[in-house]
């Protein structure tokens, strides 16, 4: 079974990692790249996805770690 997807989201002067459905952020980071690294580690451990939100809040990138269908469709 896979874990919660991890979202990288903008905060006032930083970036945060928040597990899907959580009320509070998991961690805060100075840069988006640092937040992405932290989210990726969690997603690898939980076999879930990382959804990276841009400055505008919209999802700009999505990466899956261990929850891919095999064989891939298509």
C-alpha atoms as a PDB file:
ATOM      1  CA  UNK A   1       0.000   0.000   0.000  1.00  0.00           C
ATOM      2  CA  UNK A   2       1.265   3.468  -0.788  1.00  0.00           C
ATOM      3  CA  UNK A   3       1.549   6.452   1.548  1.00  0.00           C
ATOM      4  CA  UNK A   4       0.336  10.003   1.281  1.00  0.00           C
ATOM      5  CA  UNK A   5       1.290  12.120  -1.693  1.00  0.00           C
ATOM      6  CA  UNK A   6       3.612  14.980  -0.750  1.00  0.00           C
ATOM      7  CA  UNK A   7       2.927  18.533  -1.902  1.00  0.00           C
ATOM      8  CA  UNK A   8       5.621  21.217  -2.249  1.00  0.00           C
ATOM      9  CA  UNK A   9       3.830  24.533  -1.687  1.00  0.00           C
ATOM     10  CA  UNK A  10       4.736  28.219  -1.401  1.00  0.00           C
ATOM     11  CA  UNK A  11       4.533  29.958   1.958  1.00  0.00           C
ATOM     12  CA  UNK A  12       5.064  33.672   2.679  1.00  0.00           C
ATOM     13  CA  UNK A  13       8.872  33.674   2.577  1.00  0.00           C
ATOM     14  CA  UNK A  14       9.621  29.990   2.178  1.00  0.00           C
ATOM     15  CA  UNK A  15       8.495  26.650   0.758  1.00  0.00           C
ATOM     16  CA  UNK A  16       6.802  23.833   2.646  1.00  0.00           C
ATOM     17  CA  UNK A  17       6.203  20.106   2.339  1.00  0.00           C
ATOM     18  CA  UNK A  18       2.721  18.958   3.282  1.00  0.00           C
ATOM     19  CA  UNK A  19       1.339  15.432   3.197  1.00  0.00           C
ATOM     20  CA  UNK A  20      -1.935  15.174   1.300  1.00  0.00           C
ATOM     21  CA  UNK A  21      -4.864  15.638   3.666  1.00  0.00           C
ATOM     22  CA  UNK A  22      -2.693  16.886   6.545  1.00  0.00           C
ATOM     23  CA  UNK A  23      -3.725  20.021   8.417  1.00  0.00           C
ATOM     24  CA  UNK A  24      -0.127  21.083   9.124  1.00  0.00           C
ATOM     25  CA  UNK A  25       3.038  21.301   7.064  1.00  0.00           C
ATOM     26  CA  UNK A  26       5.585  18.532   7.518  1.00  0.00           C
ATOM     27  CA  UNK A  27       8.588  20.855   7.072  1.00  0.00           C
ATOM     28  CA  UNK A  28       9.620  24.343   5.911  1.00  0.00           C
ATOM     29  CA  UNK A  29      12.553  25.230   3.639  1.00  0.00           C
ATOM     30  CA  UNK A  30      14.289  28.350   2.353  1.00  0.00           C
ATOM     31  CA  UNK A  31      14.168  27.225  -1.285  1.00  0.00           C
ATOM     32  CA  UNK A  32      11.823  25.229  -3.447  1.00  0.00           C
ATOM     33  CA  UNK A  33      14.704  22.886  -4.338  1.00  0.00           C
ATOM     34  CA  UNK A  34      15.274  22.064  -0.647  1.00  0.00           C
ATOM     35  CA  UNK A  35      11.560  21.385  -0.186  1.00  0.00           C
ATOM     36  CA  UNK A  36      11.541  19.163  -3.283  1.00  0.00           C
ATOM     37  CA  UNK A  37      14.442  17.088  -1.903  1.00  0.00           C
ATOM     38  CA  UNK A  38      12.674  16.617   1.442  1.00  0.00           C
ATOM     39  CA  UNK A  39       9.385  15.693  -0.252  1.00  0.00           C
ATOM     40  CA  UNK A  40      11.172  13.220  -2.540  1.00  0.00           C
ATOM     41  CA  UNK A  41      12.749  11.408   0.438  1.00  0.00           C
ATOM     42  CA  UNK A  42       9.344  11.025   2.089  1.00  0.00           C
ATOM     43  CA  UNK A  43       7.710   9.898  -1.163  1.00  0.00           C
ATOM     44  CA  UNK A  44      10.416   7.288  -1.798  1.00  0.00           C
ATOM     45  CA  UNK A  45       9.941   5.891   1.721  1.00  0.00           C
ATOM     46  CA  UNK A  46       6.153   5.860   1.366  1.00  0.00           C
ATOM     47  CA  UNK A  47       6.063   4.833  -2.313  1.00  0.00           C
ATOM     48  CA  UNK A  48       3.921   7.846  -3.183  1.00  0.00           C
ATOM     49  CA  UNK A  49       4.027  10.939  -5.398  1.00  0.00           C
ATOM     50  CA  UNK A  50       5.478  14.444  -5.124  1.00  0.00           C
ATOM     51  CA  UNK A  51       3.341  17.267  -6.509  1.00  0.00           C
ATOM     52  CA  UNK A  52       5.294  20.485  -6.989  1.00  0.00           C
ATOM     53  CA  UNK A  53       3.238  23.665  -6.982  1.00  0.00           C
ATOM     54  CA  UNK A  54       4.512  26.831  -8.637  1.00  0.00           C
ATOM     55  CA  UNK A  55       4.443  30.350  -7.183  1.00  0.00           C
ATOM     56  CA  UNK A  56       0.826  30.661  -8.375  1.00  0.00           C
ATOM     57  CA  UNK A  57      -0.235  27.550  -6.426  1.00  0.00           C
ATOM     58  CA  UNK A  58      -0.955  25.436  -9.500  1.00  0.00           C
ATOM     59  CA  UNK A  59       0.697  22.030  -9.902  1.00  0.00           C
ATOM     60  CA  UNK A  60       3.594  22.388 -12.342  1.00  0.00           C
ATOM     61  CA  UNK A  61       5.268  19.001 -11.943  1.00  0.00           C
ATOM     62  CA  UNK A  62       4.403  15.548 -10.631  1.00  0.00           C
ATOM     63  CA  UNK A  63       6.825  12.710  -9.864  1.00  0.00           C
ATOM     64  CA  UNK A  64       5.953   9.189  -8.799  1.00  0.00           C
ATOM     65  CA  UNK A  65       8.157   7.050  -6.544  1.00  0.00           C
ATOM     66  CA  UNK A  66       7.178   3.395  -6.457  1.00  0.00           C
ATOM     67  CA  UNK A  67       3.471   3.708  -7.169  1.00  0.00           C
ATOM     68  CA  UNK A  68       3.647   3.308 -10.953  1.00  0.00           C
ATOM     69  CA  UNK A  69       1.517   0.702 -12.715  1.00  0.00           C
ATOM     70  CA  UNK A  70       3.501  -2.062 -14.370  1.00  0.00           C
ATOM     71  CA  UNK A  71       3.491  -2.420 -17.219  1.00  0.00           C
ATOM     72  CA  UNK A  72       2.771   1.245 -17.944  1.00  0.00           C
ATOM     73  CA  UNK A  73      -0.381   1.895 -19.975  1.00  0.00           C
ATOM     74  CA  UNK A  74      -0.032   2.654 -23.685  1.00  0.00           C
END
